[in-house]
Protein backbone atom coordinates (compact mmCIF):
# COMPACT_ATOMS: atom_id res chain seq x y z
CA MET A 1 33.60 86.64 35.33
CA ALA A 2 33.43 83.33 37.19
CA ASP A 3 35.13 81.56 34.26
CA THR A 4 37.95 84.13 34.28
CA GLU A 5 38.46 83.73 38.01
CA ALA A 6 38.50 79.91 37.72
CA SER A 7 40.95 80.11 34.83
CA GLY A 8 43.24 82.39 36.85
CA MET A 9 43.17 80.03 39.79
CA ARG A 10 44.02 77.03 37.55
CA LEU A 11 46.97 78.92 36.06
CA ALA A 12 48.14 79.90 39.55
CA GLY A 13 47.89 76.29 40.72
CA LYS A 14 49.80 75.03 37.69
CA ARG A 15 52.58 77.58 38.22
CA TYR A 16 52.73 76.71 41.93
CA ASN A 17 53.10 72.98 41.13
CA MET A 18 55.97 73.73 38.74
CA ASN A 19 57.68 75.88 41.36
CA ASP A 20 57.04 73.12 43.91
CA GLN A 21 58.92 70.57 41.77
CA MET A 22 61.83 72.92 41.06
CA HIS A 23 62.11 73.88 44.73
CA SER A 24 61.99 70.22 45.80
CA GLN A 25 64.84 69.29 43.45
CA ALA A 26 66.90 72.23 44.69
CA MET A 27 66.28 71.29 48.31
CA ARG A 28 67.29 67.66 47.71
CA GLN A 29 70.52 68.85 46.11
CA ARG A 30 71.15 71.18 49.03
CA LEU A 31 70.51 68.41 51.56
CA ARG A 32 73.06 66.16 49.83
CA MET A 33 75.60 68.98 49.73
CA THR A 34 75.01 69.84 53.40
CA THR A 35 75.50 66.21 54.45
CA TRP A 36 78.85 65.98 52.67
CA LEU A 37 79.93 69.33 54.12
CA ARG A 38 79.26 68.06 57.63
CA VAL A 39 81.26 64.89 56.94
CA LEU A 40 84.10 67.03 55.59
CA LEU A 41 84.00 69.29 58.65
CA ILE A 42 84.21 66.34 61.05
CA PHE A 43 87.10 64.88 59.04
CA LEU A 44 89.04 68.16 59.11
CA LEU A 45 88.51 68.58 62.85
CA LEU A 46 89.69 65.04 63.54
CA LEU A 47 92.70 65.49 61.26
CA SER A 48 93.74 68.79 62.83
CA LEU A 49 93.30 67.52 66.40
CA THR A 50 95.23 64.33 65.56
CA PHE A 51 98.07 66.48 64.27
CA PHE A 52 97.96 68.62 67.42
CA PHE A 53 97.93 65.74 69.91
CA PHE A 54 100.62 63.68 68.23
CA VAL A 55 103.09 66.48 67.46
CA PRO A 56 106.49 65.89 69.17
CA GLY A 57 106.94 67.79 72.44
CA GLY A 58 110.00 69.68 71.16
CA ALA A 59 107.95 71.21 68.37
CA LEU A 60 105.04 72.31 70.57
CA PHE A 61 105.05 75.95 69.47
CA ALA A 62 105.27 75.02 65.80
CA GLY A 63 102.54 72.42 66.39
CA VAL A 64 100.17 74.95 67.96
CA LEU A 65 100.84 77.46 65.18
CA GLY A 66 100.34 74.83 62.50
CA PHE A 67 97.18 73.61 64.22
CA TRP A 68 95.55 77.05 64.13
CA CYS A 69 96.66 77.73 60.56
CA PHE A 70 95.22 74.39 59.46
CA MET A 71 91.95 75.08 61.30
CA LEU A 72 91.55 78.55 59.78
CA VAL A 73 92.24 77.31 56.25
CA SER A 74 89.81 74.41 56.75
CA PHE A 75 87.03 76.64 58.00
CA TRP A 76 87.63 79.13 55.18
CA LEU A 77 87.30 76.36 52.59
CA LEU A 78 84.09 75.13 54.21
CA TRP A 79 82.73 78.69 54.22
CA VAL A 80 83.44 79.01 50.48
CA PHE A 81 81.90 75.63 49.65
CA LEU A 82 78.87 76.32 51.83
CA GLY A 83 78.22 79.54 49.94
CA ARG A 84 78.46 77.67 46.63
CA SER A 85 76.05 74.99 47.81
CA ARG A 86 73.49 77.64 48.73
CA ALA A 87 73.86 79.24 45.31
CA VAL A 88 73.41 75.85 43.62
CA ALA A 89 70.27 75.18 45.64
CA GLY A 90 68.77 78.44 44.47
CA VAL A 91 68.32 79.85 47.96
CA ALA A 92 70.63 82.81 47.60
CA PRO A 93 69.37 86.03 49.17
CA GLY A 94 68.90 87.55 45.72
CA ALA A 95 66.58 84.81 44.44
CA GLU A 96 63.78 86.10 42.19
CA ALA A 97 60.50 87.01 43.84
CA HIS A 98 57.20 88.11 42.35
CA MET A 99 54.05 89.53 43.91
CA LEU A 100 50.94 87.38 44.17
CA HIS A 101 47.64 88.67 42.85
CA GLU A 102 44.61 88.37 45.10
CA LEU A 103 43.31 85.48 42.95
CA GLU A 104 46.57 83.59 43.57
CA GLN A 105 46.33 83.85 47.37
CA PRO A 106 44.83 80.79 49.09
CA ALA A 107 41.48 81.45 50.76
CA PRO A 108 42.53 79.92 54.13
CA VAL A 109 45.35 82.46 54.38
CA ARG A 110 43.08 85.43 53.69
CA GLU A 111 40.61 84.04 56.24
CA VAL A 112 43.10 84.13 59.11
CA MET A 113 45.17 87.16 58.03
CA ASP A 114 44.64 90.68 56.80
CA VAL A 115 47.21 90.25 54.00
CA ARG A 116 49.21 93.38 53.22
CA VAL A 117 52.07 91.81 51.22
CA ALA A 118 51.96 88.54 49.25
CA MET A 119 54.84 87.16 47.21
CA GLU A 120 56.44 83.95 46.00
CA GLN A 121 60.19 83.29 46.20
CA SER A 122 62.07 80.06 45.45
CA GLY A 123 58.81 78.12 45.40
CA VAL A 124 57.69 79.41 48.81
CA GLN A 125 54.62 81.64 49.17
CA ILE A 126 55.02 84.41 51.76
CA PHE A 127 52.18 86.47 53.23
CA ARG A 128 52.66 89.37 55.68
CA GLY A 129 50.06 91.22 57.72
CA MET A 130 48.03 91.16 60.95
CA LEU A 131 46.34 87.98 62.13
CA ARG A 132 42.56 88.08 62.48
CA GLU A 133 42.64 85.58 65.40
CA SER A 134 45.10 84.06 67.88
CA ALA A 135 48.28 82.52 66.51
CA ALA A 136 47.41 79.05 67.81
CA ALA A 137 43.91 79.11 66.25
CA ALA A 138 45.23 80.51 62.95
CA TYR A 139 47.94 77.85 62.70
CA GLN A 140 45.52 74.99 63.39
CA LYS A 141 43.06 76.34 60.80
CA LEU A 142 45.81 76.62 58.17
CA LYS A 143 47.05 73.14 58.97
CA GLN A 144 43.57 71.64 58.59
CA THR A 145 42.43 73.49 55.45
CA LEU A 146 45.52 73.77 53.23
CA GLY A 147 45.80 70.08 52.47
CA ALA A 148 48.48 67.44 52.87
CA GLN A 149 50.81 68.85 50.21
CA THR A 150 51.53 72.16 51.96
CA VAL A 151 53.35 72.88 55.23
CA PRO A 152 52.35 76.22 56.85
CA LEU A 153 54.86 78.24 58.88
CA LEU A 154 53.68 81.03 61.15
CA GLN A 155 56.52 83.42 61.96
CA GLN A 156 57.03 86.79 63.64
CA ASP A 157 57.26 89.88 61.43
CA ASP A 158 58.63 93.00 63.12
CA GLN A 159 56.98 95.39 60.65
CA MET A 160 53.54 93.91 59.98
CA GLY A 161 52.94 91.62 62.95
CA ALA A 162 53.05 88.15 61.42
CA ALA A 163 54.22 86.22 58.37
CA ILE A 164 52.72 83.03 56.92
CA LEU A 165 54.98 80.88 54.73
CA LEU A 166 53.62 77.99 52.66
CA MET A 167 56.27 75.32 52.01
CA PRO A 168 55.84 72.40 49.58
CA LYS A 169 55.29 69.16 51.50
CA SER A 170 57.64 67.32 49.13
CA VAL A 171 60.62 69.16 50.66
CA GLU A 172 59.89 67.66 54.07
CA GLU A 173 59.24 64.23 52.55
CA ALA A 174 62.62 64.31 50.79
CA THR A 175 64.22 64.51 54.22
CA LEU A 176 61.97 62.01 55.98
CA GLU A 177 62.31 59.34 53.27
CA ARG A 178 66.05 59.01 53.73
CA PRO A 179 66.55 55.68 55.53
CA VAL A 180 68.16 55.37 58.95
CA HIS A 181 70.72 52.57 59.23
CA VAL A 182 70.59 51.55 62.89
CA TRP A 183 73.70 49.38 62.51
CA VAL A 184 75.69 52.60 62.02
CA ASN A 185 74.49 53.88 65.41
CA TRP A 186 75.51 50.63 67.12
CA LEU A 187 78.87 50.55 65.33
CA LEU A 188 79.69 54.10 66.45
CA PHE A 189 78.60 53.26 69.99
CA GLY A 190 80.87 50.20 70.04
CA LEU A 191 83.85 52.18 68.72
CA THR A 192 83.22 54.93 71.27
CA LEU A 193 83.09 52.32 74.05
CA LEU A 194 86.53 51.10 72.92
CA THR A 195 88.10 54.57 72.64
CA THR A 196 86.74 55.81 75.99
CA THR A 197 87.86 52.59 77.70
CA TRP A 198 91.31 53.12 76.17
CA VAL A 199 91.44 56.69 77.50
CA GLY A 200 90.08 55.68 80.91
CA ALA A 201 92.79 53.04 81.28
CA ALA A 202 95.48 55.48 80.14
CA GLN A 203 94.39 57.92 82.86
CA GLN A 204 95.18 55.17 85.36
CA GLY A 205 98.59 54.49 83.83
CA VAL A 206 97.56 51.30 81.99
CA ASP A 207 98.54 50.74 78.35
CA LEU A 208 95.92 48.39 76.92
CA LEU A 209 98.16 47.51 73.98
CA ARG A 210 100.58 45.87 76.42
CA GLU A 211 98.05 44.75 79.02
CA PRO A 212 94.70 44.18 77.25
CA GLY A 213 93.49 42.00 80.09
CA ARG A 214 93.27 45.06 82.36
CA PHE A 215 90.57 46.74 80.25
CA ALA A 216 88.25 46.83 83.30
CA VAL A 217 90.39 49.65 84.70
CA GLY A 218 89.01 51.97 82.02
CA LEU A 219 85.36 50.95 82.36
CA PRO A 220 84.29 53.27 85.24
CA TYR A 221 85.24 56.32 83.16
CA SER A 222 83.95 54.85 79.89
CA LEU A 223 80.59 53.59 81.13
CA GLY A 224 80.01 56.71 83.24
CA LEU A 225 80.68 59.10 80.36
CA LEU A 226 78.68 57.07 77.82
CA ALA A 227 75.74 56.85 80.24
CA ILE A 228 75.73 60.65 80.63
CA LEU A 229 75.98 61.27 76.89
CA GLY A 230 73.50 58.55 76.00
CA VAL A 231 70.84 59.59 78.50
CA HIS A 232 71.27 63.23 77.41
CA GLU A 233 70.48 62.30 73.80
CA LEU A 234 67.70 59.90 74.79
CA GLY A 235 66.09 62.77 76.67
CA HIS A 236 65.90 64.66 73.37
CA PHE A 237 64.80 61.49 71.54
CA PHE A 238 61.82 60.61 73.75
CA ALA A 239 60.71 64.25 74.12
CA ALA A 240 60.70 64.58 70.32
CA ARG A 241 58.77 61.33 69.90
CA ARG A 242 56.21 62.48 72.48
CA HIS A 243 55.54 65.53 70.28
CA GLY A 244 55.24 63.39 67.14
CA MET A 245 58.55 64.52 65.63
CA ASN A 246 60.73 62.34 63.41
CA VAL A 247 64.16 61.87 64.99
CA THR A 248 67.10 59.48 64.61
CA PRO A 249 68.70 57.37 67.38
CA PRO A 250 71.88 58.82 68.96
CA TYR A 251 75.13 58.93 66.99
CA PHE A 252 78.31 58.72 69.10
CA ILE A 253 81.60 60.19 67.84
CA PRO A 254 84.70 58.13 68.76
CA VAL A 255 88.24 59.56 68.81
CA PRO A 256 91.36 57.62 69.91
CA PHE A 257 92.80 60.45 72.05
CA ALA A 258 91.82 63.32 74.39
CA LEU A 259 88.52 62.32 76.07
CA GLY A 260 87.90 59.33 73.78
CA THR A 261 84.84 60.95 72.20
CA PHE A 262 83.57 64.21 70.77
CA GLY A 263 80.15 63.53 72.28
CA ALA A 264 76.91 62.34 70.70
CA PHE A 265 74.02 63.82 68.77
CA ILE A 266 70.63 62.99 67.32
CA LYS A 267 69.27 64.31 64.05
CA MET A 268 65.90 66.04 63.93
CA ARG A 269 64.27 65.00 60.64
CA SER A 270 61.12 67.10 61.07
CA PRO A 271 60.62 70.59 62.54
CA SER A 272 58.99 71.28 65.89
CA GLU A 273 55.39 72.35 65.55
CA ASP A 274 55.50 75.25 68.00
CA ARG A 275 57.69 76.93 70.62
CA ARG A 276 56.34 74.68 73.37
CA SER A 277 57.49 71.48 71.66
CA LEU A 278 60.80 73.15 70.74
CA PHE A 279 61.33 74.00 74.42
CA ASP A 280 60.44 70.51 75.67
CA VAL A 281 62.84 68.78 73.28
CA ALA A 282 65.68 71.22 74.01
CA VAL A 283 65.42 71.16 77.80
CA ALA A 284 64.94 67.38 78.12
CA GLY A 285 68.52 66.54 77.09
CA PRO A 286 70.53 68.62 79.60
CA LEU A 287 68.23 67.75 82.50
CA ALA A 288 68.35 64.03 81.67
CA GLY A 289 72.14 64.16 81.39
CA LEU A 290 72.43 65.92 84.75
CA ALA A 291 70.27 63.19 86.33
CA ILE A 292 73.15 60.80 85.58
CA ALA A 293 76.12 63.19 85.89
CA ILE A 294 75.35 64.38 89.43
CA PRO A 295 74.96 60.89 91.01
CA ALA A 296 78.06 59.69 89.12
CA LEU A 297 80.00 62.66 90.49
CA LEU A 298 78.74 62.18 94.05
CA ILE A 299 79.67 58.48 94.01
CA GLY A 300 83.00 59.05 92.27
CA LEU A 301 84.04 61.77 94.72
CA HIS A 302 84.02 59.19 97.53
CA TYR A 303 86.97 57.53 95.75
CA SER A 304 88.77 60.80 95.00
CA ASN A 305 91.64 62.30 97.01
CA VAL A 306 91.91 65.80 98.49
CA GLU A 307 95.30 67.40 97.79
CA ASN A 308 97.05 70.76 97.93
CA SER A 309 98.69 70.51 94.52
CA SER A 310 97.94 73.14 91.89
CA LEU A 311 98.63 70.77 89.00
CA HIS A 312 95.80 69.75 86.73
CA PHE A 313 97.44 66.50 85.63
CA MET A 314 99.31 64.43 88.16
CA ASN A 315 101.77 61.68 87.26
CA GLY A 316 100.64 62.07 83.66
CA SER A 317 97.40 60.22 84.33
CA ALA A 318 94.86 61.02 87.07
CA VAL A 319 93.07 64.34 86.69
CA SER A 320 92.96 66.99 89.41
CA THR A 321 90.78 70.09 89.52
CA PRO A 322 90.22 72.91 92.03
CA VAL A 323 87.25 72.43 94.33
CA GLY A 324 86.14 75.99 93.63
CA SER A 325 86.23 75.67 89.83
CA SER A 326 82.45 76.10 89.88
CA ILE A 327 79.77 76.76 92.48
CA LEU A 328 77.84 73.58 91.66
CA PHE A 329 80.97 71.40 91.73
CA ALA A 330 81.97 72.87 95.10
CA LEU A 331 78.51 72.20 96.55
CA LEU A 332 78.54 68.60 95.31
CA ALA A 333 82.09 68.08 96.62
CA LYS A 334 81.08 69.41 100.03
CA LEU A 335 77.98 67.21 100.04
CA SER A 336 80.02 64.10 99.15
CA LEU A 337 83.22 64.64 101.15
CA GLY A 338 82.10 66.91 104.00
CA GLY A 339 84.89 67.82 106.42
CA ALA A 340 87.55 66.06 104.34
CA LEU A 341 87.75 69.16 102.14
CA ALA A 342 89.36 71.10 104.99
CA GLY A 343 92.69 69.48 104.15
CA GLY A 344 93.14 71.10 100.73
CA ASP A 345 91.58 72.84 97.76
CA MET A 346 92.39 70.34 94.97
CA LEU A 347 90.62 67.09 94.17
CA ARG A 348 92.39 64.23 92.43
CA LEU A 349 89.36 62.78 90.66
CA SER A 350 88.61 59.09 90.40
CA PRO A 351 87.64 57.85 86.89
CA LEU A 352 83.92 57.92 87.69
CA ALA A 353 84.18 61.37 89.29
CA PHE A 354 86.03 62.61 86.21
CA ALA A 355 83.21 61.31 84.01
CA GLY A 356 80.66 63.10 86.22
CA TRP A 357 82.72 66.31 86.16
CA LEU A 358 82.82 66.11 82.35
CA GLY A 359 79.06 65.66 82.44
CA LEU A 360 78.76 69.06 84.12
CA ILE A 361 81.02 70.65 81.49
CA ILE A 362 79.10 69.02 78.64
CA THR A 363 75.82 70.24 80.13
CA ALA A 364 77.19 73.79 80.42
CA LEU A 365 78.38 73.81 76.80
CA ASN A 366 75.00 72.57 75.59
CA LEU A 367 73.13 75.15 77.68
CA LEU A 368 74.98 78.09 76.14
CA PRO A 369 72.18 80.17 74.52
CA ILE A 370 73.75 80.04 71.06
CA GLY A 371 72.20 78.99 67.76
CA GLN A 372 71.24 75.33 67.56
CA LEU A 373 72.72 74.39 70.92
CA ASP A 374 70.14 73.30 73.47
CA GLY A 375 70.41 76.66 75.22
CA GLY A 376 69.87 78.46 71.92
CA HIS A 377 66.62 76.55 71.34
CA ILE A 378 65.51 77.23 74.92
CA ALA A 379 66.22 80.97 74.59
CA ARG A 380 64.37 81.17 71.28
CA ALA A 381 61.36 79.31 72.69
CA MET A 382 61.29 81.56 75.78
CA PHE A 383 61.90 84.97 74.21
CA GLY A 384 61.04 84.63 70.51
CA ASN A 385 63.09 85.00 67.35
CA ARG A 386 64.37 88.58 67.62
CA ILE A 387 65.41 88.58 71.28
CA GLY A 388 66.67 85.00 71.01
CA ARG A 389 68.94 86.04 68.13
CA ILE A 390 70.33 88.97 70.15
CA ILE A 391 71.05 86.68 73.12
CA SER A 392 72.74 84.18 70.79
CA ASN A 393 75.05 86.80 69.26
CA VAL A 394 76.01 88.24 72.66
CA ALA A 395 76.74 84.78 74.09
CA LEU A 396 78.83 83.76 71.07
CA TRP A 397 81.08 86.81 71.15
CA THR A 398 81.37 86.55 74.93
CA LEU A 399 82.64 83.01 74.42
CA PHE A 400 85.26 84.28 71.94
CA LEU A 401 86.37 87.04 74.33
CA LEU A 402 86.75 84.56 77.20
CA ALA A 403 88.81 82.29 74.94
CA LEU A 404 91.08 85.16 73.86
CA LEU A 405 91.53 86.84 77.24
CA LYS A 406 91.06 84.22 79.93
CA PHE A 407 90.68 80.58 78.84
CA PRO A 408 92.59 79.76 75.58
CA GLY A 409 91.31 76.19 75.69
CA LEU A 410 87.83 77.48 74.85
CA MET A 411 88.93 78.68 71.40
CA VAL A 412 88.46 75.29 69.74
CA TRP A 413 84.92 75.05 71.14
CA ALA A 414 84.19 78.66 70.18
CA LEU A 415 85.18 77.96 66.57
CA ILE A 416 83.18 74.73 66.48
CA VAL A 417 80.12 76.53 67.86
CA PHE A 418 80.57 79.41 65.38
CA PHE A 419 80.69 77.19 62.29
CA ILE A 420 78.36 74.39 63.35
CA ALA A 421 75.72 75.78 65.70
CA GLY A 422 74.44 78.37 63.22
CA ARG A 423 71.02 79.87 63.81
CA SER A 424 68.27 78.14 65.73
CA THR A 425 65.75 76.42 63.46
CA PRO A 426 62.33 78.10 63.79
CA PRO A 427 59.26 76.04 64.76
CA LEU A 428 56.33 75.98 62.34
CA ASN A 429 54.25 78.14 64.69
CA ASP A 430 56.74 80.66 66.07
CA LEU A 431 54.16 83.02 67.59
CA THR A 432 52.32 81.05 70.29
CA PRO A 433 54.30 81.53 73.54
CA ILE A 434 55.36 78.79 75.94
CA SER A 435 53.48 78.13 79.17
CA PRO A 436 54.40 79.84 82.47
CA ALA A 437 55.63 76.50 83.88
CA GLN A 438 57.97 76.08 80.92
CA ARG A 439 59.24 79.63 81.37
CA TYR A 440 60.12 78.97 85.02
CA LEU A 441 61.86 75.73 84.02
CA GLY A 442 63.82 77.68 81.42
CA TYR A 443 65.04 80.14 84.03
CA LEU A 444 66.04 77.17 86.21
CA THR A 445 68.15 75.66 83.42
CA PHE A 446 70.01 78.95 82.91
CA LEU A 447 70.54 79.14 86.68
CA ILE A 448 72.13 75.69 86.46
CA LEU A 449 74.36 76.98 83.65
CA ALA A 450 75.48 79.87 85.89
CA LEU A 451 76.19 77.52 88.81
CA ILE A 452 78.39 75.36 86.56
CA ILE A 453 80.44 78.07 84.85
CA ILE A 454 80.84 80.61 87.69
CA PRO A 455 83.77 79.81 90.05
CA LEU A 456 83.16 79.69 93.78
CA PRO A 457 83.87 83.18 95.21
CA ALA A 458 87.00 83.23 97.38
CA SER A 459 85.04 84.74 100.29
CA TRP A 460 82.90 81.56 100.38
């Protein structure tokens, strides 16, 4: 009997190793395909926006129509290719699954869980049932006893309480082994410095092609905006490093028009271990960015002018915005300018103030509780997978409704969020809740989001 059991376990281990290799190859192929899809998406967005911004003024309607047609076709093609890449990787929803016999189930799993369902699909072993101990203790025991070649995931299961997934370690290593070329980060930063300086000078009526010596005119906007974006991403970077996560340096995205940049991002090359680390990494970026945006705005407002005009662009260069465009902006304007606001309700922003104002907008966009945006990660860490997904869907469709009915300029961002943000990536231990202090901080960040996006009531 003992020989039969040992033989069964050897056969199970051999089959698991074969599935491990097949799954690793499929995941590597999917990672390569996903990388190229992201490059293609960025290229299509840049191409469509270039077409939109450089279309002749007399053909504005045709340009807008062509822009949206081009965007829809581009996104449809990406959707088709993305589906094909998933099919190639063998992760389609209909992938074959087979039940695991009791002899094939690892002892550490049965020790921490009353297993009701056990199966293997696409090289991943899945166990569902009730935990015999706390989620934190069960996860640590699995992590210590399963060995270095297996990554345990502890997830919520609405029907049976909990689910344990055993992933091959080689999948994670395939991602971590890809080298990071730091020179690319510095090159993108340098190009973004040039494009934002160009835009900052243009806002002041200076054409750097004709007067390159006046580049300093564009630096207050450029350095202010890059400081906000850079500190935002460094907040994520250092929070991730503190939790032992593998993360890349910031990548800046330069564009030679509009704001001079599409922002910056870092790439998480390893998952967060639990909801607490997921929360810390997500919340660190927006709060760090605000720590630069608010002082920049307060300083820049001292060099801004109060006017009565209702135009948003004056003399084709300097930017104006209503004081009451948001509660937080109005409070900061009152704090900086005091009684000077009595003369009008429009502010003609200085370059540094414009950079700080953009910092508020960027923070608000990142704090939207949608998918892989910072707010989406925060909501998932605070409320769990199921409620976090409901909040994400409601927020996304609210964004689309606002773009259709009230603010057409939001449509581009709504589409970008829809196709890029996706679903929030689950932490390895998705059951252990965050601490009360983190929960209060989470509510504070969503209060900040409300203060940024809600206009100042007229009665105020």
